[in-house]
Amino acid sequence: MANHKSALKRIRQNEVRRLRNRYYHKTARTAMKVLRSEENKAAATEQLPKVIALLDKLAKKNIIHKNKAANLKSKLTKHVNKLA
């Protein structure tokens, strides 16, 4: 266990950030799941920019890699465009 005051603070900060990152990541994954299951093109088109914004925020905060965000955005856009 850490003894230095700064190390104890760092442990507290890391835990808070880990939980916050986990929340953001899970929220984005749920939004992607909802978008993939959407059958209505109008509703999917309305949801797509919100999901893309969530992915961009995850990439900006280094929660996911920027290329992974780009791949997910591309796949989701293709899915929405394919809907009839």
PDB file of N, CA and C in Angstrom:
ATOM      1  N   MET A   1       0.847  -1.190   0.000  1.00  0.00           N
ATOM      2  CA  MET A   1       0.000   0.000   0.000  1.00  0.00           C
ATOM      3  C   MET A   1       0.883   1.240   0.000  1.00  0.00           C
ATOM      4  N   ALA A   2       0.430   2.256  -0.714  1.00  0.00           N
ATOM      5  CA  ALA A   2       1.195   3.488  -0.820  1.00  0.00           C
ATOM      6  C   ALA A   2       1.200   4.248   0.502  1.00  0.00           C
ATOM      7  N   ASN A   3       2.305   4.918   0.774  1.00  0.00           N
ATOM      8  CA  ASN A   3       2.432   5.690   2.000  1.00  0.00           C
ATOM      9  C   ASN A   3       2.430   7.187   1.758  1.00  0.00           C
ATOM     10  N   HIS A   4       2.885   7.595   0.599  1.00  0.00           N
ATOM     11  CA  HIS A   4       2.969   9.030   0.314  1.00  0.00           C
ATOM     12  C   HIS A   4       1.576   9.600   0.085  1.00  0.00           C
ATOM     13  N   LYS A   5       1.402  10.823   0.541  1.00  0.00           N
ATOM     14  CA  LYS A   5       0.116  11.493   0.399  1.00  0.00           C
ATOM     15  C   LYS A   5      -0.260  11.638  -1.073  1.00  0.00           C
ATOM     16  N   SER A   6       0.725  11.978  -1.905  1.00  0.00           N
ATOM     17  CA  SER A   6       0.453  12.162  -3.331  1.00  0.00           C
ATOM     18  C   SER A   6       0.068  10.840  -3.998  1.00  0.00           C
ATOM     19  N   ALA A   7       0.682   9.733  -3.542  1.00  0.00           N
ATOM     20  CA  ALA A   7       0.351   8.427  -4.114  1.00  0.00           C
ATOM     21  C   ALA A   7      -1.064   8.009  -3.730  1.00  0.00           C
ATOM     22  N   LEU A   8      -1.460   8.314  -2.501  1.00  0.00           N
ATOM     23  CA  LEU A   8      -2.828   8.004  -2.080  1.00  0.00           C
ATOM     24  C   LEU A   8      -3.842   8.813  -2.884  1.00  0.00           C
ATOM     25  N   LYS A   9      -3.522  10.080  -3.143  1.00  0.00           N
ATOM     26  CA  LYS A   9      -4.402  10.923  -3.959  1.00  0.00           C
ATOM     27  C   LYS A   9      -4.483  10.382  -5.377  1.00  0.00           C
ATOM     28  N   ARG A  10      -3.348   9.955  -5.915  1.00  0.00           N
ATOM     29  CA  ARG A  10      -3.322   9.406  -7.270  1.00  0.00           C
ATOM     30  C   ARG A  10      -4.202   8.166  -7.362  1.00  0.00           C
ATOM     31  N   ILE A  11      -4.184   7.327  -6.342  1.00  0.00           N
ATOM     32  CA  ILE A  11      -5.026   6.122  -6.322  1.00  0.00           C
ATOM     33  C   ILE A  11      -6.507   6.518  -6.346  1.00  0.00           C
ATOM     34  N   ARG A  12      -6.865   7.523  -5.547  1.00  0.00           N
ATOM     35  CA  ARG A  12      -8.257   7.983  -5.527  1.00  0.00           C
ATOM     36  C   ARG A  12      -8.663   8.546  -6.890  1.00  0.00           C
ATOM     37  N   GLN A  13      -7.800   9.345  -7.482  1.00  0.00           N
ATOM     38  CA  GLN A  13      -8.109   9.947  -8.786  1.00  0.00           C
ATOM     39  C   GLN A  13      -8.263   8.881  -9.863  1.00  0.00           C
ATOM     40  N   ASN A  14      -7.355   7.892  -9.851  1.00  0.00           N
ATOM     41  CA  ASN A  14      -7.419   6.827 -10.860  1.00  0.00           C
ATOM     42  C   ASN A  14      -8.732   6.057 -10.765  1.00  0.00           C
ATOM     43  N   GLU A  15      -9.191   5.807  -9.552  1.00  0.00           N
ATOM     44  CA  GLU A  15     -10.435   5.057  -9.368  1.00  0.00           C
ATOM     45  C   GLU A  15     -11.629   5.858  -9.892  1.00  0.00           C
ATOM     46  N   VAL A  16     -11.659   7.154  -9.594  1.00  0.00           N
ATOM     47  CA  VAL A  16     -12.755   8.002 -10.079  1.00  0.00           C
ATOM     48  C   VAL A  16     -12.754   8.044 -11.600  1.00  0.00           C
ATOM     49  N   ARG A  17     -11.583   8.211 -12.173  1.00  0.00           N
ATOM     50  CA  ARG A  17     -11.485   8.282 -13.644  1.00  0.00           C
ATOM     51  C   ARG A  17     -11.844   6.959 -14.293  1.00  0.00           C
ATOM     52  N   ARG A  18     -11.440   5.852 -13.668  1.00  0.00           N
ATOM     53  CA  ARG A  18     -11.759   4.529 -14.209  1.00  0.00           C
ATOM     54  C   ARG A  18     -13.264   4.329 -14.256  1.00  0.00           C
ATOM     55  N   LEU A  19     -13.949   4.684 -13.178  1.00  0.00           N
ATOM     56  CA  LEU A  19     -15.397   4.521 -13.139  1.00  0.00           C
ATOM     57  C   LEU A  19     -16.091   5.442 -14.136  1.00  0.00           C
ATOM     58  N   ARG A  20     -15.591   6.668 -14.273  1.00  0.00           N
ATOM     59  CA  ARG A  20     -16.172   7.613 -15.229  1.00  0.00           C
ATOM     60  C   ARG A  20     -15.983   7.102 -16.654  1.00  0.00           C
ATOM     61  N   ASN A  21     -14.784   6.629 -16.971  1.00  0.00           N
ATOM     62  CA  ASN A  21     -14.513   6.100 -18.313  1.00  0.00           C
ATOM     63  C   ASN A  21     -15.382   4.884 -18.604  1.00  0.00           C
ATOM     64  N   ARG A  22     -15.559   4.034 -17.598  1.00  0.00           N
ATOM     65  CA  ARG A  22     -16.385   2.844 -17.784  1.00  0.00           C
ATOM     66  C   ARG A  22     -17.830   3.235 -18.076  1.00  0.00           C
ATOM     67  N   TYR A  23     -18.319   4.267 -17.375  1.00  0.00           N
ATOM     68  CA  TYR A  23     -19.681   4.746 -17.616  1.00  0.00           C
ATOM     69  C   TYR A  23     -19.837   5.273 -19.036  1.00  0.00           C
ATOM     70  N   TYR A  24     -18.901   6.121 -19.480  1.00  0.00           N
ATOM     71  CA  TYR A  24     -18.980   6.669 -20.839  1.00  0.00           C
ATOM     72  C   TYR A  24     -18.913   5.570 -21.891  1.00  0.00           C
ATOM     73  N   HIS A  25     -18.025   4.605 -21.682  1.00  0.00           N
ATOM     74  CA  HIS A  25     -17.849   3.522 -22.641  1.00  0.00           C
ATOM     75  C   HIS A  25     -19.115   2.672 -22.722  1.00  0.00           C
ATOM     76  N   LYS A  26     -19.688   2.340 -21.583  1.00  0.00           N
ATOM     77  CA  LYS A  26     -20.894   1.513 -21.550  1.00  0.00           C
ATOM     78  C   LYS A  26     -22.077   2.258 -22.172  1.00  0.00           C
ATOM     79  N   THR A  27     -22.171   3.560 -21.919  1.00  0.00           N
ATOM     80  CA  THR A  27     -23.245   4.361 -22.506  1.00  0.00           C
ATOM     81  C   THR A  27     -23.155   4.347 -24.031  1.00  0.00           C
ATOM     82  N   ALA A  28     -21.941   4.494 -24.547  1.00  0.00           N
ATOM     83  CA  ALA A  28     -21.753   4.499 -26.004  1.00  0.00           C
ATOM     84  C   ALA A  28     -22.079   3.130 -26.599  1.00  0.00           C
ATOM     85  N   ARG A  29     -21.657   2.068 -25.920  1.00  0.00           N
ATOM     86  CA  ARG A  29     -21.945   0.721 -26.433  1.00  0.00           C
ATOM     87  C   ARG A  29     -23.445   0.456 -26.452  1.00  0.00           C
ATOM     88  N   THR A  30     -24.158   0.903 -25.427  1.00  0.00           N
ATOM     89  CA  THR A  30     -25.605   0.724 -25.393  1.00  0.00           C
ATOM     90  C   THR A  30     -26.270   1.509 -26.520  1.00  0.00           C
ATOM     91  N   ALA A  31     -25.792   2.726 -26.759  1.00  0.00           N
ATOM     92  CA  ALA A  31     -26.349   3.546 -27.842  1.00  0.00           C
ATOM     93  C   ALA A  31     -26.110   2.884 -29.203  1.00  0.00           C
ATOM     94  N   MET A  32     -24.928   2.285 -29.385  1.00  0.00           N
ATOM     95  CA  MET A  32     -24.649   1.590 -30.645  1.00  0.00           C
ATOM     96  C   MET A  32     -25.558   0.380 -30.803  1.00  0.00           C
ATOM     97  N   LYS A  33     -25.781  -0.344 -29.718  1.00  0.00           N
ATOM     98  CA  LYS A  33     -26.647  -1.523 -29.754  1.00  0.00           C
ATOM     99  C   LYS A  33     -28.075  -1.134 -30.133  1.00  0.00           C
ATOM    100  N   VAL A  34     -28.563  -0.035 -29.558  1.00  0.00           N
ATOM    101  CA  VAL A  34     -29.910   0.448 -29.870  1.00  0.00           C
ATOM    102  C   VAL A  34     -29.986   0.860 -31.335  1.00  0.00           C
ATOM    103  N   LEU A  35     -28.952   1.533 -31.819  1.00  0.00           N
ATOM    104  CA  LEU A  35     -28.937   1.972 -33.220  1.00  0.00           C
ATOM    105  C   LEU A  35     -28.904   0.783 -34.170  1.00  0.00           C
ATOM    106  N   ARG A  36     -28.112  -0.240 -33.841  1.00  0.00           N
ATOM    107  CA  ARG A  36     -28.041  -1.420 -34.707  1.00  0.00           C
ATOM    108  C   ARG A  36     -29.367  -2.171 -34.758  1.00  0.00           C
ATOM    109  N   SER A  37     -30.115  -2.148 -33.657  1.00  0.00           N
ATOM    110  CA  SER A  37     -31.378  -2.888 -33.620  1.00  0.00           C
ATOM    111  C   SER A  37     -32.535  -2.080 -34.205  1.00  0.00           C
ATOM    112  N   GLU A  38     -32.295  -0.828 -34.540  1.00  0.00           N
ATOM    113  CA  GLU A  38     -33.347   0.044 -35.086  1.00  0.00           C
ATOM    114  C   GLU A  38     -33.728  -0.404 -36.497  1.00  0.00           C
ATOM    115  N   GLU A  39     -35.034  -0.513 -36.731  1.00  0.00           N
ATOM    116  CA  GLU A  39     -35.533  -0.930 -38.042  1.00  0.00           C
ATOM    117  C   GLU A  39     -36.028   0.254 -38.866  1.00  0.00           C
ATOM    118  N   ASN A  40     -36.415   1.324 -38.194  1.00  0.00           N
ATOM    119  CA  ASN A  40     -36.958   2.497 -38.871  1.00  0.00           C
ATOM    120  C   ASN A  40     -35.808   3.404 -39.319  1.00  0.00           C
ATOM    121  N   LYS A  41     -35.736   3.682 -40.618  1.00  0.00           N
ATOM    122  CA  LYS A  41     -34.624   4.483 -41.137  1.00  0.00           C
ATOM    123  C   LYS A  41     -34.650   5.915 -40.599  1.00  0.00           C
ATOM    124  N   ALA A  42     -35.826   6.500 -40.460  1.00  0.00           N
ATOM    125  CA  ALA A  42     -35.919   7.877 -39.974  1.00  0.00           C
ATOM    126  C   ALA A  42     -35.389   7.985 -38.546  1.00  0.00           C
ATOM    127  N   ALA A  43     -35.773   7.042 -37.707  1.00  0.00           N
ATOM    128  CA  ALA A  43     -35.309   7.054 -36.319  1.00  0.00           C
ATOM    129  C   ALA A  43     -33.806   6.794 -36.252  1.00  0.00           C
ATOM    130  N   ALA A  44     -33.325   5.876 -37.075  1.00  0.00           N
ATOM    131  CA  ALA A  44     -31.900   5.559 -37.093  1.00  0.00           C
ATOM    132  C   ALA A  44     -31.082   6.751 -37.579  1.00  0.00           C
ATOM    133  N   THR A  45     -31.597   7.451 -38.583  1.00  0.00           N
ATOM    134  CA  THR A  45     -30.907   8.634 -39.096  1.00  0.00           C
ATOM    135  C   THR A  45     -30.842   9.734 -38.041  1.00  0.00           C
ATOM    136  N   GLU A  46     -31.871   9.804 -37.214  1.00  0.00           N
ATOM    137  CA  GLU A  46     -31.893  10.795 -36.142  1.00  0.00           C
ATOM    138  C   GLU A  46     -30.915  10.437 -35.022  1.00  0.00           C
ATOM    139  N   GLN A  47     -30.757   9.147 -34.747  1.00  0.00           N
ATOM    140  CA  GLN A  47     -29.867   8.687 -33.669  1.00  0.00           C
ATOM    141  C   GLN A  47     -28.400   8.717 -34.066  1.00  0.00           C
ATOM    142  N   LEU A  48     -28.111   8.545 -35.346  1.00  0.00           N
ATOM    143  CA  LEU A  48     -26.727   8.389 -35.800  1.00  0.00           C
ATOM    144  C   LEU A  48     -25.804   9.526 -35.375  1.00  0.00           C
ATOM    145  N   PRO A  49     -26.154  10.816 -35.545  1.00  0.00           N
ATOM    146  CA  PRO A  49     -25.223  11.873 -35.126  1.00  0.00           C
ATOM    147  C   PRO A  49     -24.928  11.855 -33.631  1.00  0.00           C
ATOM    148  N   LYS A  50     -25.899  11.457 -32.820  1.00  0.00           N
ATOM    149  CA  LYS A  50     -25.679  11.391 -31.373  1.00  0.00           C
ATOM    150  C   LYS A  50     -24.678  10.298 -31.026  1.00  0.00           C
ATOM    151  N   VAL A  51     -24.807   9.147 -31.691  1.00  0.00           N
ATOM    152  CA  VAL A  51     -23.887   8.036 -31.433  1.00  0.00           C
ATOM    153  C   VAL A  51     -22.488   8.395 -31.928  1.00  0.00           C
ATOM    154  N   ILE A  52     -22.404   9.048 -33.080  1.00  0.00           N
ATOM    155  CA  ILE A  52     -21.103   9.470 -33.607  1.00  0.00           C
ATOM    156  C   ILE A  52     -20.440  10.452 -32.657  1.00  0.00           C
ATOM    157  N   ALA A  53     -21.218  11.351 -32.075  1.00  0.00           N
ATOM    158  CA  ALA A  53     -20.665  12.309 -31.108  1.00  0.00           C
ATOM    159  C   ALA A  53     -20.119  11.579 -29.880  1.00  0.00           C
ATOM    160  N   LEU A  54     -20.842  10.559 -29.408  1.00  0.00           N
ATOM    161  CA  LEU A  54     -20.355   9.781 -28.264  1.00  0.00           C
ATOM    162  C   LEU A  54     -19.032   9.096 -28.592  1.00  0.00           C
ATOM    163  N   LEU A  55     -18.941   8.517 -29.788  1.00  0.00           N
ATOM    164  CA  LEU A  55     -17.704   7.834 -30.191  1.00  0.00           C
ATOM    165  C   LEU A  55     -16.544   8.817 -30.321  1.00  0.00           C
ATOM    166  N   ASP A  56     -16.832  10.000 -30.861  1.00  0.00           N
ATOM    167  CA  ASP A  56     -15.783  11.019 -30.981  1.00  0.00           C
ATOM    168  C   ASP A  56     -15.270  11.443 -29.610  1.00  0.00           C
ATOM    169  N   LYS A  57     -16.173  11.562 -28.646  1.00  0.00           N
ATOM    170  CA  LYS A  57     -15.762  11.941 -27.295  1.00  0.00           C
ATOM    171  C   LYS A  57     -14.899  10.848 -26.667  1.00  0.00           C
ATOM    172  N   LEU A  58     -15.257   9.584 -26.890  1.00  0.00           N
ATOM    173  CA  LEU A  58     -14.451   8.483 -26.357  1.00  0.00           C
ATOM    174  C   LEU A  58     -13.055   8.494 -26.967  1.00  0.00           C
ATOM    175  N   ALA A  59     -12.978   8.749 -28.264  1.00  0.00           N
ATOM    176  CA  ALA A  59     -11.678   8.785 -28.928  1.00  0.00           C
ATOM    177  C   ALA A  59     -10.858   9.971 -28.444  1.00  0.00           C
ATOM    178  N   LYS A  60     -11.505  11.105 -28.243  1.00  0.00           N
ATOM    179  CA  LYS A  60     -10.796  12.302 -27.794  1.00  0.00           C
ATOM    180  C   LYS A  60     -10.209  12.103 -26.398  1.00  0.00           C
ATOM    181  N   LYS A  61     -10.930  11.374 -25.554  1.00  0.00           N
ATOM    182  CA  LYS A  61     -10.461  11.132 -24.187  1.00  0.00           C
ATOM    183  C   LYS A  61      -9.585   9.880 -24.086  1.00  0.00           C
ATOM    184  N   ASN A  62      -9.237   9.291 -25.215  1.00  0.00           N
ATOM    185  CA  ASN A  62      -8.392   8.087 -25.282  1.00  0.00           C
ATOM    186  C   ASN A  62      -8.997   6.903 -24.542  1.00  0.00           C
ATOM    187  N   ILE A  63     -10.312   6.834 -24.483  1.00  0.00           N
ATOM    188  CA  ILE A  63     -10.964   5.655 -23.915  1.00  0.00           C
ATOM    189  C   ILE A  63     -10.955   4.545 -24.959  1.00  0.00           C
ATOM    190  N   ILE A  64     -11.171   4.921 -26.222  1.00  0.00           N
ATOM    191  CA  ILE A  64     -10.979   3.991 -27.334  1.00  0.00           C
ATOM    192  C   ILE A  64     -10.026   4.648 -28.325  1.00  0.00           C
ATOM    193  N   HIS A  65      -9.411   3.846 -29.174  1.00  0.00           N
ATOM    194  CA  HIS A  65      -8.471   4.365 -30.168  1.00  0.00           C
ATOM    195  C   HIS A  65      -9.230   5.111 -31.252  1.00  0.00           C
ATOM    196  N   LYS A  66      -8.604   6.120 -31.832  1.00  0.00           N
ATOM    197  CA  LYS A  66      -9.288   6.931 -32.846  1.00  0.00           C
ATOM    198  C   LYS A  66      -9.644   6.120 -34.078  1.00  0.00           C
ATOM    199  N   ASN A  67      -8.821   5.137 -34.431  1.00  0.00           N
ATOM    200  CA  ASN A  67      -9.143   4.306 -35.594  1.00  0.00           C
ATOM    201  C   ASN A  67     -10.321   3.385 -35.313  1.00  0.00           C
ATOM    202  N   LYS A  68     -10.424   2.911 -34.078  1.00  0.00           N
ATOM    203  CA  LYS A  68     -11.578   2.092 -33.717  1.00  0.00           C
ATOM    204  C   LYS A  68     -12.849   2.927 -33.805  1.00  0.00           C
ATOM    205  N   ALA A  69     -12.786   4.162 -33.336  1.00  0.00           N
ATOM    206  CA  ALA A  69     -13.940   5.051 -33.432  1.00  0.00           C
ATOM    207  C   ALA A  69     -14.323   5.261 -34.894  1.00  0.00           C
ATOM    208  N   ALA A  70     -13.326   5.454 -35.744  1.00  0.00           N
ATOM    209  CA  ALA A  70     -13.590   5.654 -37.174  1.00  0.00           C
ATOM    210  C   ALA A  70     -14.233   4.412 -37.788  1.00  0.00           C
ATOM    211  N   ASN A  71     -13.735   3.227 -37.415  1.00  0.00           N
ATOM    212  CA  ASN A  71     -14.308   1.983 -37.937  1.00  0.00           C
ATOM    213  C   ASN A  71     -15.753   1.806 -37.488  1.00  0.00           C
ATOM    214  N   LEU A  72     -16.021   2.079 -36.223  1.00  0.00           N
ATOM    215  CA  LEU A  72     -17.383   1.942 -35.715  1.00  0.00           C
ATOM    216  C   LEU A  72     -18.322   2.932 -36.385  1.00  0.00           C
ATOM    217  N   LYS A  73     -17.871   4.177 -36.546  1.00  0.00           N
ATOM    218  CA  LYS A  73     -18.709   5.187 -37.205  1.00  0.00           C
ATOM    219  C   LYS A  73     -19.017   4.771 -38.637  1.00  0.00           C
ATOM    220  N   SER A  74     -18.026   4.236 -39.334  1.00  0.00           N
ATOM    221  CA  SER A  74     -18.214   3.803 -40.712  1.00  0.00           C
ATOM    222  C   SER A  74     -19.233   2.668 -40.793  1.00  0.00           C
ATOM    223  N   LYS A  75     -19.093   1.678 -39.910  1.00  0.00           N
ATOM    224  CA  LYS A  75     -20.009   0.539 -39.926  1.00  0.00           C
ATOM    225  C   LYS A  75     -21.435   0.958 -39.587  1.00  0.00           C
ATOM    226  N   LEU A  76     -21.565   1.855 -38.601  1.00  0.00           N
ATOM    227  CA  LEU A  76     -22.908   2.310 -38.229  1.00  0.00           C
ATOM    228  C   LEU A  76     -23.557   3.121 -39.348  1.00  0.00           C
ATOM    229  N   THR A  77     -22.758   3.946 -40.016  1.00  0.00           N
ATOM    230  CA  THR A  77     -23.291   4.740 -41.139  1.00  0.00           C
ATOM    231  C   THR A  77     -23.734   3.831 -42.274  1.00  0.00           C
ATOM    232  N   LYS A  78     -22.934   2.819 -42.566  1.00  0.00           N
ATOM    233  CA  LYS A  78     -23.313   1.868 -43.614  1.00  0.00           C
ATOM    234  C   LYS A  78     -24.616   1.141 -43.251  1.00  0.00           C
ATOM    235  N   HIS A  79     -24.719   0.776 -41.966  1.00  0.00           N
ATOM    236  CA  HIS A  79     -25.931   0.099 -41.512  1.00  0.00           C
ATOM    237  C   HIS A  79     -27.164   0.984 -41.687  1.00  0.00           C
ATOM    238  N   VAL A  80     -27.041   2.247 -41.305  1.00  0.00           N
ATOM    239  CA  VAL A  80     -28.178   3.168 -41.410  1.00  0.00           C
ATOM    240  C   VAL A  80     -28.525   3.400 -42.878  1.00  0.00           C
ATOM    241  N   ASN A  81     -27.535   3.546 -43.738  1.00  0.00           N
ATOM    242  CA  ASN A  81     -27.791   3.775 -45.155  1.00  0.00           C
ATOM    243  C   ASN A  81     -28.436   2.563 -45.827  1.00  0.00           C
ATOM    244  N   LYS A  82     -28.177   1.351 -45.284  1.00  0.00           N
ATOM    245  CA  LYS A  82     -28.709   0.140 -45.868  1.00  0.00           C
ATOM    246  C   LYS A  82     -30.189  -0.076 -45.523  1.00  0.00           C
ATOM    247  N   LEU A  83     -30.654   0.591 -44.464  1.00  0.00           N
ATOM    248  CA  LEU A  83     -32.051   0.409 -44.058  1.00  0.00           C
ATOM    249  C   LEU A  83     -33.000   0.934 -45.142  1.00  0.00           C
ATOM    250  N   ALA A  84     -34.112   0.249 -45.278  1.00  0.00           N
ATOM    251  CA  ALA A  84     -35.071   0.637 -46.319  1.00  0.00           C
ATOM    252  C   ALA A  84     -36.118   1.593 -45.783  1.00  0.00           C
TER     253      ALA A  84
END
